[in-house]
Each structure stands twice: as structure tokens, then as C-alpha cells.
Amino acid sequence: MDEISGEDEIIAISEDLVQSPVHKSAGTSIIDFGGYLSQPLKLREDLKNGCGGQLWPAGMVLGKHLLRQQRNNLKDKSIVELGAGGGLVGLAVAAGCEINQPVWITDQRPMFQLMKDNIALNNMEDQIQPEIYDWGSPVPFSLPRPVDVVLAADCVYFEPAFPLLQQTLQDLIQENTVCFFCFKKRRRADMQFMKSARRLFNIEEIENDPDREIYRRENIFL
């Protein structure tokens, strides 16, 4: 246990609960997913409102997979991203995949301004719609229903939120919904979440991604 002390209190934080990331200073990254975007994205990163404000590895893996192998499979699909943070994956899909309706990117209120900033930074106001969505709460009325495609990258990181994430997935995923779910295993509880999810959904690991051996060495699953 590590201890953080202030003037009036000591808070004990377990590294098994939340793994400390390598934090970046606020700034803007240029991302083209290895050349799969002809016009690179500009992504503002800012951690002042939470860890979702920086780029995480599973988002890079999922974004590249969608651009490389699903580029022509998303037309006429309603698409919602969960836990979008700054909106990396949803922006990548809107920028590089063949779609004909806006992509919805969602997260908690602290991330809302960052999502809007990144939409504006890439001049994608007509292609992306941001929305506040707290896991476990009712589906926002603004989201399309049914949802054809759910995107979720690096959403498995905080064990107390697992039941809320599971409830949200159950609310959105219907018989014909496809969910692209990518996460980095950081602790044993992460695999327990997936074990529980397998009892609720038909889950298949994507085995034909050319980068699979590379990202699996980093404990990333897609």
C-alpha cells in the first residue's frame, strides 16, 4: 500500500486497485495509425480531469484494427463509443472508415469538454456527436437505438466500475449488435470481468489481426 498524506488525512491506495500510469503533460499528439489515415488526427491530451484525458494502448490497437480491417464494414451502422476519453477511436472511425451517419462518443462529464475540443480540432462537428454517459445509468435519449456497433477501448481498469460497465453493455448490446472491445490486462480482476462477460455475451477473440502477436505481448486483448 502506498500512502498519500495531506494536512488532515492519509489515504491508502492499493496498486492492485488502480495501476499508476505514466502521466503526460498536456499537449497535442498527431496520429495516423501507421499510415491508415491519410489525414492524421490531432488529439489534445489533458489529464487535469482524469486519466481518460491521455491516449492509452488499447485505443491505438482498436483504432488501427478498425481502420485496417473494418473500414468498409460500418456503412449504415449506428456506432457508439463507451469511455471515449478524448475520443481517439470514434474520431479514427469517422475520419477513415466508410460511414454515413455520425459516430457517438461518450464518457463522463469531466471528459465532455475534451471530447468537444478534439472534435473541433479536427473539424469533425458533422461526423461526431459527443454525449455524457455514466455507466450503469439509463441510456441517454439522444443515442441512436438500436446500436449496431459498440466501441470500447481500455474500459477495464477500475474494478469498482466493472458492474456498471457490464450493465451498460447489457443495455446497449442486442441480438444483432457487434461490440469491438479491446483492453490491456493489468491485474487478475480484469480477466474475472471477461469471465463474467462470457456468461452474458458471445465473445470471440479476433485472431486475424496482423499485429496480434505484437499487442498480445503487451497483454492487450481484442
Protein backbone atom coordinates (compact mmCIF):
# COMPACT_ATOMS: atom_id res chain seq x y z
CA MET A 1 0.00 0.00 0.00
CA ASP A 2 1.21 3.50 -0.84
CA GLU A 3 0.23 6.43 1.33
CA ILE A 4 -0.58 9.95 0.23
CA SER A 5 -0.66 12.39 3.10
CA GLY A 6 -2.27 15.81 3.34
CA GLU A 7 -2.65 18.22 6.21
CA ASP A 8 -5.69 16.47 7.66
CA GLU A 9 -5.80 12.95 6.23
CA ILE A 10 -3.91 9.94 4.99
CA ILE A 11 -5.39 7.97 2.10
CA ALA A 12 -4.20 4.44 1.44
CA ILE A 13 -4.21 3.43 -2.23
CA SER A 14 -3.76 -0.15 -3.38
CA GLU A 15 -1.71 -0.63 -6.54
CA ASP A 16 -3.83 -3.74 -7.18
CA LEU A 17 -6.88 -1.49 -7.46
CA VAL A 18 -5.54 1.20 -9.77
CA GLN A 19 -2.20 0.88 -11.53
CA SER A 20 -0.42 4.22 -11.75
CA PRO A 21 0.04 5.22 -15.41
CA VAL A 22 2.92 7.19 -16.84
CA HIS A 23 1.33 10.63 -16.91
CA LYS A 24 1.97 13.07 -19.74
CA SER A 25 1.91 16.82 -19.71
CA ALA A 26 -1.00 18.42 -21.53
CA GLY A 27 -0.36 18.70 -25.25
CA THR A 28 -1.46 17.64 -28.72
CA SER A 29 -0.49 14.39 -30.45
CA ILE A 30 -0.55 13.71 -34.19
CA ILE A 31 -1.78 10.19 -35.00
CA ASP A 32 -2.16 8.41 -38.34
CA PHE A 33 -2.27 4.79 -37.09
CA GLY A 34 0.72 3.70 -39.09
CA GLY A 35 -0.43 5.42 -42.27
CA TYR A 36 -4.01 4.13 -42.23
CA LEU A 37 -5.27 7.70 -42.02
CA SER A 38 -4.39 9.89 -44.99
CA GLN A 39 -5.16 12.95 -42.88
CA PRO A 40 -3.69 12.43 -39.39
CA LEU A 41 -5.78 13.15 -36.32
CA LYS A 42 -4.84 15.86 -33.86
CA LEU A 43 -5.58 14.69 -30.32
CA ARG A 44 -5.47 17.02 -27.36
CA GLU A 45 -4.34 15.17 -24.22
CA ASP A 46 -5.00 16.65 -20.80
CA LEU A 47 -5.12 14.74 -17.52
CA LYS A 48 -6.48 17.54 -15.36
CA ASN A 49 -9.97 15.99 -15.35
CA GLY A 50 -9.00 12.32 -15.18
CA CYS A 51 -6.94 9.51 -16.67
CA GLY A 52 -9.21 9.34 -19.72
CA GLY A 53 -7.55 12.50 -20.93
CA GLN A 54 -4.50 10.71 -22.31
CA LEU A 55 -4.02 8.13 -25.05
CA TRP A 56 -3.99 4.52 -23.88
CA PRO A 57 -2.55 1.49 -25.72
CA ALA A 58 -5.78 -0.43 -26.31
CA GLY A 59 -7.26 2.60 -28.06
CA MET A 60 -4.37 2.63 -30.50
CA VAL A 61 -4.78 -1.10 -31.14
CA LEU A 62 -8.54 -0.89 -31.66
CA GLY A 63 -8.35 2.21 -33.84
CA LYS A 64 -5.79 0.62 -36.13
CA HIS A 65 -7.76 -2.62 -36.36
CA LEU A 66 -10.95 -0.81 -37.36
CA LEU A 67 -9.17 1.28 -39.99
CA ARG A 68 -7.34 -1.69 -41.47
CA GLN A 69 -9.96 -4.46 -41.30
CA GLN A 70 -13.38 -2.87 -40.80
CA ARG A 71 -13.02 0.22 -42.98
CA ASN A 72 -15.75 -0.84 -45.41
CA ASN A 73 -17.99 -2.72 -42.98
CA LEU A 74 -19.50 0.15 -40.99
CA LYS A 75 -21.66 1.91 -43.56
CA ASP A 76 -25.30 2.32 -42.45
CA LYS A 77 -24.30 1.36 -38.89
CA SER A 78 -25.15 3.31 -35.76
CA ILE A 79 -21.92 3.49 -33.74
CA VAL A 80 -21.41 4.39 -30.07
CA GLU A 81 -18.08 4.52 -28.26
CA LEU A 82 -18.01 3.99 -24.49
CA GLY A 83 -15.39 5.51 -22.21
CA ALA A 84 -14.09 7.54 -25.11
CA GLY A 85 -11.83 9.87 -23.12
CA GLY A 86 -10.60 12.34 -25.72
CA GLY A 87 -12.40 10.40 -28.47
CA LEU A 88 -9.49 8.67 -30.22
CA VAL A 89 -11.29 5.56 -31.53
CA GLY A 90 -14.51 7.28 -32.56
CA LEU A 91 -12.59 10.03 -34.32
CA ALA A 92 -10.49 7.44 -36.15
CA VAL A 93 -13.60 5.64 -37.38
CA ALA A 94 -15.26 8.85 -38.50
CA ALA A 95 -12.10 10.00 -40.27
CA GLY A 96 -11.06 6.82 -42.00
CA CYS A 97 -13.96 4.38 -42.31
CA GLU A 98 -16.83 4.43 -44.76
CA ILE A 99 -19.75 5.70 -42.68
CA ASN A 100 -22.85 7.71 -43.49
CA GLN A 101 -24.10 8.76 -40.07
CA PRO A 102 -22.42 10.44 -37.10
CA VAL A 103 -20.36 8.42 -34.64
CA TRP A 104 -21.33 8.97 -31.00
CA ILE A 105 -18.51 9.24 -28.47
CA THR A 106 -19.45 9.07 -24.79
CA ASP A 107 -17.84 9.46 -21.40
CA GLN A 108 -18.45 11.06 -18.02
CA ARG A 109 -18.95 14.80 -17.65
CA PRO A 110 -15.27 15.60 -16.83
CA MET A 111 -14.26 14.33 -20.30
CA PHE A 112 -17.03 16.14 -22.19
CA GLN A 113 -15.11 19.33 -22.92
CA LEU A 114 -12.04 17.39 -24.09
CA MET A 115 -14.20 15.38 -26.48
CA LYS A 116 -15.68 18.60 -27.89
CA ASP A 117 -12.23 20.17 -28.16
CA ASN A 118 -10.89 17.25 -30.19
CA ILE A 119 -13.91 17.23 -32.46
CA ALA A 120 -13.35 20.91 -33.18
CA LEU A 121 -9.59 20.47 -33.52
CA ASN A 122 -10.22 18.07 -36.41
CA ASN A 123 -13.19 19.98 -37.92
CA MET A 124 -15.44 16.94 -37.46
CA GLU A 125 -18.55 18.54 -35.98
CA ASP A 126 -20.71 16.95 -38.70
CA GLN A 127 -19.23 13.48 -38.24
CA ILE A 128 -19.01 13.11 -34.46
CA GLN A 129 -21.53 13.68 -31.68
CA PRO A 130 -20.34 13.78 -28.04
CA GLU A 131 -22.58 12.75 -25.17
CA ILE A 132 -22.31 12.36 -21.40
CA TYR A 133 -22.97 8.75 -20.40
CA ASP A 134 -22.32 7.40 -16.92
CA TRP A 135 -22.04 3.63 -16.90
CA GLY A 136 -24.94 2.00 -15.11
CA SER A 137 -27.27 4.93 -15.75
CA PRO A 138 -30.15 4.81 -18.27
CA VAL A 139 -29.16 5.08 -21.92
CA PRO A 140 -29.24 8.77 -22.94
CA PHE A 141 -32.26 9.57 -25.10
CA SER A 142 -30.00 11.19 -27.69
CA LEU A 143 -28.16 7.98 -28.58
CA PRO A 144 -29.38 6.01 -31.59
CA ARG A 145 -31.39 2.91 -30.88
CA PRO A 146 -30.75 0.18 -31.62
CA VAL A 147 -26.98 0.50 -31.54
CA ASP A 148 -25.37 -1.55 -34.30
CA VAL A 149 -21.74 -1.20 -33.21
CA VAL A 150 -20.32 -0.54 -29.73
CA LEU A 151 -16.68 0.51 -29.39
CA ALA A 152 -14.85 0.17 -26.08
CA ALA A 153 -11.10 0.55 -25.55
CA ASP A 154 -9.29 0.45 -22.21
CA CYS A 155 -12.57 0.48 -20.29
CA VAL A 156 -11.39 -2.32 -17.96
CA TYR A 157 -9.19 -0.52 -15.46
CA PHE A 158 -11.18 0.26 -12.28
CA GLU A 159 -12.68 -2.78 -10.54
CA PRO A 160 -15.50 -0.99 -8.66
CA ALA A 161 -16.85 0.20 -12.03
CA PHE A 162 -17.00 -3.30 -13.55
CA PRO A 163 -20.66 -3.97 -12.62
CA LEU A 164 -21.64 -0.57 -14.05
CA LEU A 165 -19.80 -1.24 -17.31
CA GLN A 166 -21.40 -4.66 -17.53
CA GLN A 167 -24.86 -3.15 -17.04
CA THR A 168 -24.22 -0.57 -19.75
CA LEU A 169 -23.07 -3.25 -22.18
CA GLN A 170 -26.24 -5.20 -21.46
CA ASP A 171 -28.32 -2.07 -22.07
CA LEU A 172 -26.72 -1.42 -25.47
CA ILE A 173 -25.94 -4.85 -26.90
CA GLN A 174 -28.86 -6.52 -28.58
CA GLU A 175 -29.12 -9.61 -30.76
CA ASN A 176 -27.50 -8.01 -33.82
CA THR A 177 -25.13 -5.61 -32.07
CA VAL A 178 -21.38 -6.07 -32.55
CA CYS A 179 -19.07 -4.80 -29.83
CA PHE A 180 -15.37 -4.24 -30.54
CA PHE A 181 -13.85 -4.49 -27.06
CA CYS A 182 -10.12 -4.00 -26.51
CA PHE A 183 -8.36 -3.89 -23.16
CA LYS A 184 -4.98 -4.25 -21.52
CA LYS A 185 -4.81 -6.82 -18.71
CA ARG A 186 -3.27 -5.09 -15.71
CA ARG A 187 -4.49 -7.27 -12.83
CA ARG A 188 -6.28 -10.55 -12.19
CA ALA A 189 -9.63 -8.82 -11.73
CA ASP A 190 -9.58 -7.78 -15.39
CA MET A 191 -9.83 -11.39 -16.52
CA GLN A 192 -12.57 -12.01 -13.96
CA PHE A 193 -14.54 -9.27 -15.68
CA MET A 194 -14.13 -11.04 -19.01
CA LYS A 195 -15.09 -14.37 -17.45
CA SER A 196 -18.30 -12.78 -16.20
CA ALA A 197 -18.91 -11.14 -19.60
CA ARG A 198 -18.65 -14.51 -21.34
CA ARG A 199 -21.69 -15.67 -19.41
CA LEU A 200 -23.69 -12.78 -20.86
CA PHE A 201 -22.37 -12.35 -24.39
CA ASN A 202 -20.99 -14.37 -27.28
CA ILE A 203 -17.32 -13.33 -27.16
CA GLU A 204 -14.77 -14.14 -29.84
CA GLU A 205 -11.17 -13.01 -29.80
CA ILE A 206 -10.03 -11.51 -33.11
CA GLU A 207 -7.28 -13.80 -34.34
CA ASN A 208 -6.66 -12.48 -37.84
CA ASP A 209 -5.24 -9.08 -36.88
CA PRO A 210 -1.71 -8.83 -38.32
CA ASP A 211 -0.47 -7.13 -35.13
CA ARG A 212 -1.94 -9.72 -32.75
CA GLU A 213 1.38 -11.24 -31.68
CA ILE A 214 2.78 -7.78 -31.00
CA TYR A 215 -0.02 -6.45 -28.82
CA ARG A 216 -0.57 -9.77 -27.04
CA ARG A 217 3.00 -9.48 -25.75
CA GLU A 218 1.79 -6.29 -24.04
CA ASN A 219 -1.19 -8.18 -22.52
CA ILE A 220 -3.65 -6.41 -24.82
CA PHE A 221 -6.71 -8.38 -25.93
CA LEU A 222 -9.08 -7.61 -28.81
